[in-house]
PDB file of N, CA and C in Angstrom:
ATOM      1  N   MET A   1     197.890 117.950   6.085  1.00  0.00           N
ATOM      2  CA  MET A   1     198.274 118.111   7.474  1.00  0.00           C
ATOM      3  C   MET A   1     198.345 119.586   7.811  1.00  0.00           C
ATOM      4  N   THR A   2     198.016 119.894   9.015  1.00  0.00           N
ATOM      5  CA  THR A   2     198.138 121.270   9.459  1.00  0.00           C
ATOM      6  C   THR A   2     199.582 121.566   9.816  1.00  0.00           C
ATOM      7  N   ASN A   3     199.913 122.848   9.910  1.00  0.00           N
ATOM      8  CA  ASN A   3     201.269 123.220  10.302  1.00  0.00           C
ATOM      9  C   ASN A   3     201.620 122.651  11.670  1.00  0.00           C
ATOM     10  N   ARG A   4     200.632 122.594  12.580  1.00  0.00           N
ATOM     11  CA  ARG A   4     200.893 122.041  13.913  1.00  0.00           C
ATOM     12  C   ARG A   4     201.291 120.570  13.807  1.00  0.00           C
ATOM     13  N   SER A   5     200.601 119.808  12.962  1.00  0.00           N
ATOM     14  CA  SER A   5     200.937 118.392  12.793  1.00  0.00           C
ATOM     15  C   SER A   5     202.331 118.222  12.233  1.00  0.00           C
ATOM     16  N   TRP A   6     202.683 119.022  11.222  1.00  0.00           N
ATOM     17  CA  TRP A   6     204.026 118.948  10.660  1.00  0.00           C
ATOM     18  C   TRP A   6     205.063 119.267  11.714  1.00  0.00           C
ATOM     19  N   GLY A   7     204.769 120.265  12.546  1.00  0.00           N
ATOM     20  CA  GLY A   7     205.709 120.619  13.611  1.00  0.00           C
ATOM     21  C   GLY A   7     205.991 119.440  14.514  1.00  0.00           C
ATOM     22  N   ASN A   8     204.970 118.663  14.821  1.00  0.00           N
ATOM     23  CA  ASN A   8     205.152 117.473  15.655  1.00  0.00           C
ATOM     24  C   ASN A   8     206.016 116.429  14.964  1.00  0.00           C
ATOM     25  N   VAL A   9     205.819 116.261  13.667  1.00  0.00           N
ATOM     26  CA  VAL A   9     206.620 115.288  12.917  1.00  0.00           C
ATOM     27  C   VAL A   9     208.081 115.700  12.943  1.00  0.00           C
ATOM     28  N   TRP A  10     208.358 116.965  12.616  1.00  0.00           N
ATOM     29  CA  TRP A  10     209.752 117.411  12.546  1.00  0.00           C
ATOM     30  C   TRP A  10     210.398 117.444  13.916  1.00  0.00           C
ATOM     31  N   ALA A  11     209.633 117.776  14.957  1.00  0.00           N
ATOM     32  CA  ALA A  11     210.187 117.736  16.313  1.00  0.00           C
ATOM     33  C   ALA A  11     210.574 116.306  16.675  1.00  0.00           C
ATOM     34  N   GLY A  12     209.748 115.342  16.274  1.00  0.00           N
ATOM     35  CA  GLY A  12     210.063 113.938  16.537  1.00  0.00           C
ATOM     36  C   GLY A  12     211.324 113.486  15.828  1.00  0.00           C
ATOM     37  N   LEU A  13     211.540 114.006  14.640  1.00  0.00           N
ATOM     38  CA  LEU A  13     212.740 113.631  13.897  1.00  0.00           C
ATOM     39  C   LEU A  13     214.003 114.164  14.559  1.00  0.00           C
ATOM     40  N   GLY A  14     213.879 115.248  15.310  1.00  0.00           N
ATOM     41  CA  GLY A  14     215.035 115.852  15.955  1.00  0.00           C
ATOM     42  C   GLY A  14     215.439 115.187  17.258  1.00  0.00           C
ATOM     43  N   GLN A  15     214.726 114.160  17.658  1.00  0.00           N
ATOM     44  CA  GLN A  15     215.065 113.457  18.894  1.00  0.00           C
ATOM     45  C   GLN A  15     216.344 112.648  18.704  1.00  0.00           C
ATOM     46  N   ASN A  16     216.902 112.232  19.812  1.00  0.00           N
ATOM     47  CA  ASN A  16     218.093 111.373  19.817  1.00  0.00           C
ATOM     48  C   ASN A  16     219.308 112.032  19.180  1.00  0.00           C
ATOM     49  N   GLY A  17     219.420 113.346  19.335  1.00  0.00           N
ATOM     50  CA  GLY A  17     220.611 114.039  18.872  1.00  0.00           C
ATOM     51  C   GLY A  17     220.691 114.286  17.390  1.00  0.00           C
ATOM     52  N   ARG A  18     219.616 114.061  16.667  1.00  0.00           N
ATOM     53  CA  ARG A  18     219.634 114.322  15.228  1.00  0.00           C
ATOM     54  C   ARG A  18     219.486 115.817  14.969  1.00  0.00           C
ATOM     55  N   GLU A  19     220.176 116.286  13.970  1.00  0.00           N
ATOM     56  CA  GLU A  19     220.068 117.682  13.542  1.00  0.00           C
ATOM     57  C   GLU A  19     219.044 117.746  12.410  1.00  0.00           C
ATOM     58  N   VAL A  20     218.045 118.609  12.543  1.00  0.00           N
ATOM     59  CA  VAL A  20     216.979 118.716  11.552  1.00  0.00           C
ATOM     60  C   VAL A  20     216.933 120.139  11.015  1.00  0.00           C
ATOM     61  N   GLU A  21     216.874 120.274   9.721  1.00  0.00           N
ATOM     62  CA  GLU A  21     216.656 121.562   9.080  1.00  0.00           C
ATOM     63  C   GLU A  21     215.356 121.468   8.288  1.00  0.00           C
ATOM     64  N   VAL A  22     214.490 122.455   8.448  1.00  0.00           N
ATOM     65  CA  VAL A  22     213.182 122.446   7.810  1.00  0.00           C
ATOM     66  C   VAL A  22     213.069 123.664   6.905  1.00  0.00           C
ATOM     67  N   PHE A  23     212.571 123.452   5.695  1.00  0.00           N
ATOM     68  CA  PHE A  23     212.392 124.538   4.732  1.00  0.00           C
ATOM     69  C   PHE A  23     210.963 124.513   4.206  1.00  0.00           C
ATOM     70  N   GLU A  24     210.337 125.649   4.191  1.00  0.00           N
ATOM     71  CA  GLU A  24     209.009 125.786   3.591  1.00  0.00           C
ATOM     72  C   GLU A  24     209.136 126.080   2.093  1.00  0.00           C
ATOM     73  N   ASN A  25     210.250 126.680   1.698  1.00  0.00           N
ATOM     74  CA  ASN A  25     210.470 127.100   0.327  1.00  0.00           C
ATOM     75  C   ASN A  25     211.422 126.110  -0.352  1.00  0.00           C
ATOM     76  N   PRO A  26     210.981 125.444  -1.422  1.00  0.00           N
ATOM     77  CA  PRO A  26     211.843 124.451  -2.068  1.00  0.00           C
ATOM     78  C   PRO A  26     213.108 125.043  -2.681  1.00  0.00           C
ATOM     79  N   HIS A  27     213.060 126.301  -3.097  1.00  0.00           N
ATOM     80  CA  HIS A  27     214.257 126.932  -3.653  1.00  0.00           C
ATOM     81  C   HIS A  27     215.334 127.094  -2.574  1.00  0.00           C
ATOM     82  N   GLN A  28     214.918 127.461  -1.366  1.00  0.00           N
ATOM     83  CA  GLN A  28     215.865 127.559  -0.253  1.00  0.00           C
ATOM     84  C   GLN A  28     216.413 126.189   0.106  1.00  0.00           C
ATOM     85  N   ALA A  29     215.557 125.186   0.043  1.00  0.00           N
ATOM     86  CA  ALA A  29     216.004 123.819   0.333  1.00  0.00           C
ATOM     87  C   ALA A  29     217.056 123.373  -0.675  1.00  0.00           C
ATOM     88  N   LEU A  30     216.820 123.628  -1.957  1.00  0.00           N
ATOM     89  CA  LEU A  30     217.798 123.241  -2.982  1.00  0.00           C
ATOM     90  C   LEU A  30     219.118 123.967  -2.797  1.00  0.00           C
ATOM     91  N   LYS A  31     219.056 125.228  -2.419  1.00  0.00           N
ATOM     92  CA  LYS A  31     220.286 125.983  -2.165  1.00  0.00           C
ATOM     93  C   LYS A  31     221.069 125.334  -1.031  1.00  0.00           C
ATOM     94  N   ARG A  32     220.378 124.955   0.038  1.00  0.00           N
ATOM     95  CA  ARG A  32     221.039 124.333   1.182  1.00  0.00           C
ATOM     96  C   ARG A  32     221.593 122.960   0.819  1.00  0.00           C
ATOM     97  N   ILE A  33     220.888 122.235  -0.010  1.00  0.00           N
ATOM     98  CA  ILE A  33     221.354 120.917  -0.462  1.00  0.00           C
ATOM     99  C   ILE A  33     222.677 121.052  -1.213  1.00  0.00           C
ATOM    100  N   GLN A  34     222.845 122.134  -1.957  1.00  0.00           N
ATOM    101  CA  GLN A  34     224.106 122.363  -2.663  1.00  0.00           C
ATOM    102  C   GLN A  34     225.244 122.711  -1.708  1.00  0.00           C
ATOM    103  N   GLU A  35     224.903 123.276  -0.552  1.00  0.00           N
ATOM    104  CA  GLU A  35     225.908 123.697   0.421  1.00  0.00           C
ATOM    105  C   GLU A  35     226.350 122.570   1.353  1.00  0.00           C
ATOM    106  N   LYS A  36     225.474 121.610   1.597  1.00  0.00           N
ATOM    107  CA  LYS A  36     225.725 120.609   2.626  1.00  0.00           C
ATOM    108  C   LYS A  36     225.203 119.253   2.169  1.00  0.00           C
ATOM    109  N   THR A  37     225.908 118.211   2.536  1.00  0.00           N
ATOM    110  CA  THR A  37     225.440 116.854   2.259  1.00  0.00           C
ATOM    111  C   THR A  37     224.671 116.364   3.479  1.00  0.00           C
ATOM    112  N   PHE A  38     223.494 115.851   3.245  1.00  0.00           N
ATOM    113  CA  PHE A  38     222.630 115.353   4.316  1.00  0.00           C
ATOM    114  C   PHE A  38     222.565 113.838   4.279  1.00  0.00           C
ATOM    115  N   ASP A  39     222.325 113.240   5.427  1.00  0.00           N
ATOM    116  CA  ASP A  39     222.125 111.796   5.496  1.00  0.00           C
ATOM    117  C   ASP A  39     220.762 111.419   4.923  1.00  0.00           C
ATOM    118  N   ILE A  40     219.746 112.226   5.274  1.00  0.00           N
ATOM    119  CA  ILE A  40     218.368 111.941   4.862  1.00  0.00           C
ATOM    120  C   ILE A  40     217.696 113.238   4.459  1.00  0.00           C
ATOM    121  N   VAL A  41     216.941 113.191   3.388  1.00  0.00           N
ATOM    122  CA  VAL A  41     216.112 114.310   2.960  1.00  0.00           C
ATOM    123  C   VAL A  41     214.676 113.797   2.872  1.00  0.00           C
ATOM    124  N   VAL A  42     213.759 114.536   3.482  1.00  0.00           N
ATOM    125  CA  VAL A  42     212.337 114.213   3.407  1.00  0.00           C
ATOM    126  C   VAL A  42     211.684 115.327   2.600  1.00  0.00           C
ATOM    127  N   THR A  43     210.999 114.968   1.533  1.00  0.00           N
ATOM    128  CA  THR A  43     210.374 115.984   0.690  1.00  0.00           C
ATOM    129  C   THR A  43     208.993 115.557   0.235  1.00  0.00           C
ATOM    130  N   ASP A  44     208.136 116.530   0.093  1.00  0.00           N
ATOM    131  CA  ASP A  44     206.815 116.304  -0.468  1.00  0.00           C
ATOM    132  C   ASP A  44     206.959 116.152  -1.974  1.00  0.00           C
ATOM    133  N   ILE A  45     206.031 115.463  -2.594  1.00  0.00           N
ATOM    134  CA  ILE A  45     206.048 115.326  -4.054  1.00  0.00           C
ATOM    135  C   ILE A  45     205.530 116.604  -4.707  1.00  0.00           C
ATOM    136  N   ARG A  46     204.393 117.098  -4.216  1.00  0.00           N
ATOM    137  CA  ARG A  46     203.766 118.268  -4.836  1.00  0.00           C
ATOM    138  C   ARG A  46     204.073 119.532  -4.053  1.00  0.00           C
ATOM    139  N   MET A  47     204.718 120.468  -4.744  1.00  0.00           N
ATOM    140  CA  MET A  47     205.022 121.775  -4.169  1.00  0.00           C
ATOM    141  C   MET A  47     204.867 122.807  -5.273  1.00  0.00           C
ATOM    142  N   GLU A  48     204.800 124.076  -4.887  1.00  0.00           N
ATOM    143  CA  GLU A  48     204.754 125.133  -5.891  1.00  0.00           C
ATOM    144  C   GLU A  48     206.127 125.279  -6.526  1.00  0.00           C
ATOM    145  N   ASP A  49     206.175 125.535  -7.802  1.00  0.00           N
ATOM    146  CA  ASP A  49     207.388 125.802  -8.581  1.00  0.00           C
ATOM    147  C   ASP A  49     208.267 124.582  -8.843  1.00  0.00           C
ATOM    148  N   ILE A  50     208.485 123.741  -7.844  1.00  0.00           N
ATOM    149  CA  ILE A  50     209.393 122.598  -7.967  1.00  0.00           C
ATOM    150  C   ILE A  50     208.661 121.375  -7.423  1.00  0.00           C
ATOM    151  N   ASP A  51     208.832 120.233  -8.068  1.00  0.00           N
ATOM    152  CA  ASP A  51     208.222 119.039  -7.491  1.00  0.00           C
ATOM    153  C   ASP A  51     209.273 118.193  -6.787  1.00  0.00           C
ATOM    154  N   GLY A  52     208.796 117.286  -5.975  1.00  0.00           N
ATOM    155  CA  GLY A  52     209.691 116.455  -5.182  1.00  0.00           C
ATOM    156  C   GLY A  52     210.607 115.578  -6.011  1.00  0.00           C
ATOM    157  N   ILE A  53     210.171 115.192  -7.203  1.00  0.00           N
ATOM    158  CA  ILE A  53     211.027 114.385  -8.078  1.00  0.00           C
ATOM    159  C   ILE A  53     212.272 115.185  -8.454  1.00  0.00           C
ATOM    160  N   GLU A  54     212.101 116.478  -8.721  1.00  0.00           N
ATOM    161  CA  GLU A  54     213.256 117.328  -9.031  1.00  0.00           C
ATOM    162  C   GLU A  54     214.197 117.426  -7.826  1.00  0.00           C
ATOM    163  N   ILE A  55     213.631 117.548  -6.626  1.00  0.00           N
ATOM    164  CA  ILE A  55     214.453 117.562  -5.407  1.00  0.00           C
ATOM    165  C   ILE A  55     215.231 116.250  -5.318  1.00  0.00           C
ATOM    166  N   LEU A  56     214.529 115.128  -5.506  1.00  0.00           N
ATOM    167  CA  LEU A  56     215.152 113.807  -5.466  1.00  0.00           C
ATOM    168  C   LEU A  56     216.324 113.724  -6.440  1.00  0.00           C
ATOM    169  N   GLU A  57     216.113 114.139  -7.677  1.00  0.00           N
ATOM    170  CA  GLU A  57     217.166 114.060  -8.691  1.00  0.00           C
ATOM    171  C   GLU A  57     218.380 114.903  -8.309  1.00  0.00           C
ATOM    172  N   LYS A  58     218.154 116.092  -7.784  1.00  0.00           N
ATOM    173  CA  LYS A  58     219.274 116.970  -7.416  1.00  0.00           C
ATOM    174  C   LYS A  58     220.026 116.436  -6.199  1.00  0.00           C
ATOM    175  N   VAL A  59     219.303 115.881  -5.248  1.00  0.00           N
ATOM    176  CA  VAL A  59     219.960 115.296  -4.076  1.00  0.00           C
ATOM    177  C   VAL A  59     220.817 114.116  -4.503  1.00  0.00           C
ATOM    178  N   LYS A  60     220.265 113.216  -5.294  1.00  0.00           N
ATOM    179  CA  LYS A  60     221.001 112.022  -5.712  1.00  0.00           C
ATOM    180  C   LYS A  60     222.189 112.367  -6.609  1.00  0.00           C
ATOM    181  N   ALA A  61     222.070 113.444  -7.401  1.00  0.00           N
ATOM    182  CA  ALA A  61     223.196 113.872  -8.231  1.00  0.00           C
ATOM    183  C   ALA A  61     224.354 114.363  -7.370  1.00  0.00           C
ATOM    184  N   LYS A  62     224.033 114.950  -6.230  1.00  0.00           N
ATOM    185  CA  LYS A  62     225.084 115.461  -5.345  1.00  0.00           C
ATOM    186  C   LYS A  62     225.674 114.349  -4.492  1.00  0.00           C
ATOM    187  N   SER A  63     224.812 113.498  -3.942  1.00  0.00           N
ATOM    188  CA  SER A  63     225.280 112.431  -3.061  1.00  0.00           C
ATOM    189  C   SER A  63     224.387 111.218  -3.198  1.00  0.00           C
ATOM    190  N   ASP A  64     224.917 110.185  -3.796  1.00  0.00           N
ATOM    191  CA  ASP A  64     224.143 108.954  -3.957  1.00  0.00           C
ATOM    192  C   ASP A  64     223.899 108.265  -2.616  1.00  0.00           C
ATOM    193  N   GLN A  65     224.657 108.654  -1.597  1.00  0.00           N
ATOM    194  CA  GLN A  65     224.509 108.048  -0.259  1.00  0.00           C
ATOM    195  C   GLN A  65     223.339 108.625   0.528  1.00  0.00           C
ATOM    196  N   THR A  66     222.843 109.804   0.141  1.00  0.00           N
ATOM    197  CA  THR A  66     221.735 110.436   0.851  1.00  0.00           C
ATOM    198  C   THR A  66     220.455 109.662   0.608  1.00  0.00           C
ATOM    199  N   LYS A  67     219.755 109.328   1.680  1.00  0.00           N
ATOM    200  CA  LYS A  67     218.461 108.653   1.570  1.00  0.00           C
ATOM    201  C   LYS A  67     217.384 109.724   1.415  1.00  0.00           C
ATOM    202  N   VAL A  68     216.531 109.565   0.417  1.00  0.00           N
ATOM    203  CA  VAL A  68     215.455 110.517   0.170  1.00  0.00           C
ATOM    204  C   VAL A  68     214.126 109.817   0.413  1.00  0.00           C
ATOM    205  N   ILE A  69     213.348 110.378   1.337  1.00  0.00           N
ATOM    206  CA  ILE A  69     212.022 109.852   1.652  1.00  0.00           C
ATOM    207  C   ILE A  69     211.001 110.793   1.028  1.00  0.00           C
ATOM    208  N   MET A  70     210.172 110.243   0.158  1.00  0.00           N
ATOM    209  CA  MET A  70     209.147 111.016  -0.540  1.00  0.00           C
ATOM    210  C   MET A  70     207.818 110.856   0.180  1.00  0.00           C
ATOM    211  N   ILE A  71     207.104 111.977   0.392  1.00  0.00           N
ATOM    212  CA  ILE A  71     205.775 111.918   0.993  1.00  0.00           C
ATOM    213  C   ILE A  71     204.785 112.605   0.066  1.00  0.00           C
ATOM    214  N   THR A  72     203.553 112.122   0.062  1.00  0.00           N
ATOM    215  CA  THR A  72     202.559 112.715  -0.831  1.00  0.00           C
ATOM    216  C   THR A  72     201.141 112.408  -0.375  1.00  0.00           C
ATOM    217  N   GLY A  73     200.280 113.343  -0.666  1.00  0.00           N
ATOM    218  CA  GLY A  73     198.852 113.130  -0.478  1.00  0.00           C
ATOM    219  C   GLY A  73     198.207 112.607  -1.744  1.00  0.00           C
ATOM    220  N   TYR A  74     199.000 112.426  -2.791  1.00  0.00           N
ATOM    221  CA  TYR A  74     198.506 111.997  -4.094  1.00  0.00           C
ATOM    222  C   TYR A  74     199.234 110.732  -4.534  1.00  0.00           C
ATOM    223  N   ALA A  75     199.237 109.741  -3.686  1.00  0.00           N
ATOM    224  CA  ALA A  75     199.988 108.517  -3.960  1.00  0.00           C
ATOM    225  C   ALA A  75     199.330 107.715  -5.079  1.00  0.00           C
ATOM    226  N   THR A  76     200.129 107.432  -6.082  1.00  0.00           N
ATOM    227  CA  THR A  76     199.714 106.531  -7.158  1.00  0.00           C
ATOM    228  C   THR A  76     200.857 105.559  -7.405  1.00  0.00           C
ATOM    229  N   VAL A  77     200.541 104.452  -8.000  1.00  0.00           N
ATOM    230  CA  VAL A  77     201.570 103.465  -8.318  1.00  0.00           C
ATOM    231  C   VAL A  77     202.595 104.077  -9.265  1.00  0.00           C
ATOM    232  N   GLU A  78     202.130 104.867 -10.225  1.00  0.00           N
ATOM    233  CA  GLU A  78     203.039 105.464 -11.202  1.00  0.00           C
ATOM    234  C   GLU A  78     204.038 106.406 -10.536  1.00  0.00           C
ATOM    235  N   VAL A  79     203.556 107.264  -9.638  1.00  0.00           N
ATOM    236  CA  VAL A  79     204.447 108.216  -8.969  1.00  0.00           C
ATOM    237  C   VAL A  79     205.411 107.469  -8.049  1.00  0.00           C
ATOM    238  N   ALA A  80     204.911 106.479  -7.338  1.00  0.00           N
ATOM    239  CA  ALA A  80     205.784 105.688  -6.460  1.00  0.00           C
ATOM    240  C   ALA A  80     206.856 104.983  -7.274  1.00  0.00           C
ATOM    241  N   ARG A  81     206.472 104.396  -8.387  1.00  0.00           N
ATOM    242  CA  ARG A  81     207.428 103.694  -9.247  1.00  0.00           C
ATOM    243  C   ARG A  81     208.493 104.663  -9.770  1.00  0.00           C
ATOM    244  N   GLU A  82     208.069 105.863 -10.187  1.00  0.00           N
ATOM    245  CA  GLU A  82     209.030 106.850 -10.682  1.00  0.00           C
ATOM    246  C   GLU A  82     210.005 107.260  -9.582  1.00  0.00           C
ATOM    247  N   ALA A  83     209.471 107.570  -8.394  1.00  0.00           N
ATOM    248  CA  ALA A  83     210.328 108.013  -7.291  1.00  0.00           C
ATOM    249  C   ALA A  83     211.302 106.915  -6.878  1.00  0.00           C
ATOM    250  N   LEU A  84     210.818 105.720  -6.702  1.00  0.00           N
ATOM    251  CA  LEU A  84     211.687 104.614  -6.291  1.00  0.00           C
ATOM    252  C   LEU A  84     212.690 104.268  -7.392  1.00  0.00           C
ATOM    253  N   GLY A  85     212.258 104.363  -8.640  1.00  0.00           N
ATOM    254  CA  GLY A  85     213.154 104.102  -9.760  1.00  0.00           C
ATOM    255  C   GLY A  85     214.285 105.120  -9.868  1.00  0.00           C
ATOM    256  N   LYS A  86     214.035 106.321  -9.372  1.00  0.00           N
ATOM    257  CA  LYS A  86     215.054 107.377  -9.403  1.00  0.00           C
ATOM    258  C   LYS A  86     215.877 107.421  -8.123  1.00  0.00           C
ATOM    259  N   GLY A  87     215.661 106.429  -7.265  1.00  0.00           N
ATOM    260  CA  GLY A  87     216.531 106.308  -6.099  1.00  0.00           C
ATOM    261  C   GLY A  87     215.943 106.689  -4.762  1.00  0.00           C
ATOM    262  N   ALA A  88     214.635 106.942  -4.686  1.00  0.00           N
ATOM    263  CA  ALA A  88     214.031 107.251  -3.383  1.00  0.00           C
ATOM    264  C   ALA A  88     214.188 106.060  -2.449  1.00  0.00           C
ATOM    265  N   PHE A  89     214.464 106.343  -1.198  1.00  0.00           N
ATOM    266  CA  PHE A  89     214.624 105.303  -0.185  1.00  0.00           C
ATOM    267  C   PHE A  89     213.269 104.769   0.255  1.00  0.00           C
ATOM    268  N   ASP A  90     212.278 105.664   0.346  1.00  0.00           N
ATOM    269  CA  ASP A  90     210.947 105.272   0.793  1.00  0.00           C
ATOM    270  C   ASP A  90     209.932 106.215   0.176  1.00  0.00           C
ATOM    271  N   PHE A  91     208.695 105.779   0.121  1.00  0.00           N
ATOM    272  CA  PHE A  91     207.582 106.532  -0.441  1.00  0.00           C
ATOM    273  C   PHE A  91     206.429 106.372   0.521  1.00  0.00           C
ATOM    274  N   ILE A  92     205.998 107.469   1.144  1.00  0.00           N
ATOM    275  CA  ILE A  92     204.991 107.406   2.206  1.00  0.00           C
ATOM    276  C   ILE A  92     203.807 108.276   1.829  1.00  0.00           C
ATOM    277  N   ALA A  93     202.595 107.712   1.923  1.00  0.00           N
ATOM    278  CA  ALA A  93     201.372 108.453   1.632  1.00  0.00           C
ATOM    279  C   ALA A  93     200.924 109.230   2.874  1.00  0.00           C
ATOM    280  N   LYS A  94     200.377 110.420   2.639  1.00  0.00           N
ATOM    281  CA  LYS A  94     199.782 111.210   3.718  1.00  0.00           C
ATOM    282  C   LYS A  94     198.399 110.645   3.992  1.00  0.00           C
ATOM    283  N   PRO A  95     197.859 110.829   5.165  1.00  0.00           N
ATOM    284  CA  PRO A  95     198.433 111.600   6.258  1.00  0.00           C
ATOM    285  C   PRO A  95     199.619 110.872   6.877  1.00  0.00           C
ATOM    286  N   LEU A  96     200.621 111.636   7.213  1.00  0.00           N
ATOM    287  CA  LEU A  96     201.876 111.111   7.735  1.00  0.00           C
ATOM    288  C   LEU A  96     201.747 110.865   9.222  1.00  0.00           C
ATOM    289  N   ASN A  97     202.064 109.668   9.627  1.00  0.00           N
ATOM    290  CA  ASN A  97     202.048 109.292  11.036  1.00  0.00           C
ATOM    291  C   ASN A  97     203.459 109.462  11.586  1.00  0.00           C
ATOM    292  N   PRO A  98     203.641 110.251  12.656  1.00  0.00           N
ATOM    293  CA  PRO A  98     204.989 110.472  13.193  1.00  0.00           C
ATOM    294  C   PRO A  98     205.743 109.196  13.530  1.00  0.00           C
ATOM    295  N   THR A  99     205.049 108.120  13.877  1.00  0.00           N
ATOM    296  CA  THR A  99     205.743 106.877  14.208  1.00  0.00           C
ATOM    297  C   THR A  99     206.353 106.243  12.961  1.00  0.00           C
ATOM    298  N   ILE A 100     205.780 106.517  11.785  1.00  0.00           N
ATOM    299  CA  ILE A 100     206.354 105.996  10.545  1.00  0.00           C
ATOM    300  C   ILE A 100     207.725 106.599  10.325  1.00  0.00           C
ATOM    301  N   CYS A 101     207.862 107.895  10.599  1.00  0.00           N
ATOM    302  CA  CYS A 101     209.163 108.547  10.422  1.00  0.00           C
ATOM    303  C   CYS A 101     210.204 107.895  11.301  1.00  0.00           C
ATOM    304  N   GLY A 102     209.836 107.544  12.503  1.00  0.00           N
ATOM    305  CA  GLY A 102     210.779 106.884  13.393  1.00  0.00           C
ATOM    306  C   GLY A 102     211.229 105.553  12.833  1.00  0.00           C
ATOM    307  N   LYS A 103     210.310 104.819  12.215  1.00  0.00           N
ATOM    308  CA  LYS A 103     210.668 103.519  11.640  1.00  0.00           C
ATOM    309  C   LYS A 103     211.554 103.695  10.409  1.00  0.00           C
ATOM    310  N   SER A 104     211.244 104.667   9.568  1.00  0.00           N
ATOM    311  CA  SER A 104     212.067 104.887   8.374  1.00  0.00           C
ATOM    312  C   SER A 104     213.429 105.433   8.736  1.00  0.00           C
ATOM    313  N   SER A 105     213.491 106.134   9.873  1.00  0.00           N
ATOM    314  CA  SER A 105     214.742 106.798  10.232  1.00  0.00           C
ATOM    315  C   SER A 105     215.546 106.025  11.260  1.00  0.00           C
ATOM    316  N   SER A 106     215.137 104.790  11.548  1.00  0.00           N
ATOM    317  CA  SER A 106     215.876 104.057  12.558  1.00  0.00           C
ATOM    318  C   SER A 106     217.317 103.917  12.118  1.00  0.00           C
ATOM    319  N   GLY A 107     218.160 103.930  13.062  1.00  0.00           N
ATOM    320  CA  GLY A 107     219.576 103.918  12.739  1.00  0.00           C
ATOM    321  C   GLY A 107     220.224 105.179  13.252  1.00  0.00           C
ATOM    322  N   PRO A 108     221.506 105.266  13.124  1.00  0.00           N
ATOM    323  CA  PRO A 108     222.243 106.303  13.820  1.00  0.00           C
ATOM    324  C   PRO A 108     222.543 107.603  13.108  1.00  0.00           C
ATOM    325  N   PRO A 109     221.948 107.936  11.946  1.00  0.00           N
ATOM    326  CA  PRO A 109     222.434 109.153  11.313  1.00  0.00           C
ATOM    327  C   PRO A 109     222.387 110.351  12.252  1.00  0.00           C
ATOM    328  N   PRO A 110     223.489 111.016  12.462  1.00  0.00           N
ATOM    329  CA  PRO A 110     223.521 112.146  13.375  1.00  0.00           C
ATOM    330  C   PRO A 110     222.888 113.384  12.770  1.00  0.00           C
ATOM    331  N   ARG A 111     222.803 113.438  11.471  1.00  0.00           N
ATOM    332  CA  ARG A 111     222.223 114.602  10.808  1.00  0.00           C
ATOM    333  C   ARG A 111     220.985 114.185  10.048  1.00  0.00           C
ATOM    334  N   TRP A 112     219.888 114.786  10.404  1.00  0.00           N
ATOM    335  CA  TRP A 112     218.659 114.631   9.635  1.00  0.00           C
ATOM    336  C   TRP A 112     218.519 115.850   8.790  1.00  0.00           C
ATOM    337  N   ALA A 113     217.767 115.746   7.772  1.00  0.00           N
ATOM    338  CA  ALA A 113     217.686 116.887   6.898  1.00  0.00           C
ATOM    339  C   ALA A 113     216.276 117.264   6.584  1.00  0.00           C
ATOM    340  N   LEU A 114     216.095 117.811   5.518  1.00  0.00           N
ATOM    341  CA  LEU A 114     215.075 118.764   5.260  1.00  0.00           C
ATOM    342  C   LEU A 114     213.846 118.276   4.575  1.00  0.00           C
ATOM    343  N   ARG A 115     212.866 119.070   4.786  1.00  0.00           N
ATOM    344  CA  ARG A 115     211.635 118.943   4.065  1.00  0.00           C
ATOM    345  C   ARG A 115     211.500 120.195   3.233  1.00  0.00           C
ATOM    346  N   ALA A 116     211.216 120.010   1.979  1.00  0.00           N
ATOM    347  CA  ALA A 116     211.034 121.190   1.133  1.00  0.00           C
ATOM    348  C   ALA A 116     209.564 121.397   0.872  1.00  0.00           C
TER     349      ALA A 116
END
């Protein structure tokens, strides 16, 4: 996805009074996760330095109540099974459709969280 497409996805997540924080750097995202508990975290599986599974594990270690949505352009049954087995709420293959985020995020959480 292009940066413009991602911007549209994250802008859509911020509708209905949700608070959204977006991080391009996974290290900054992990630092923020330690500072604040989020209702939902959306993270890519493949990133430089840190992978999404590590983000998932750290989020769940801090708050088992946080829903973690994993997204990837490299969807395989093995990766999906690992992510879901470690507590991911959902596993979505790219290209990401903004309407999918609305369906996964239905409900009232006032705070949306981050993409690393």
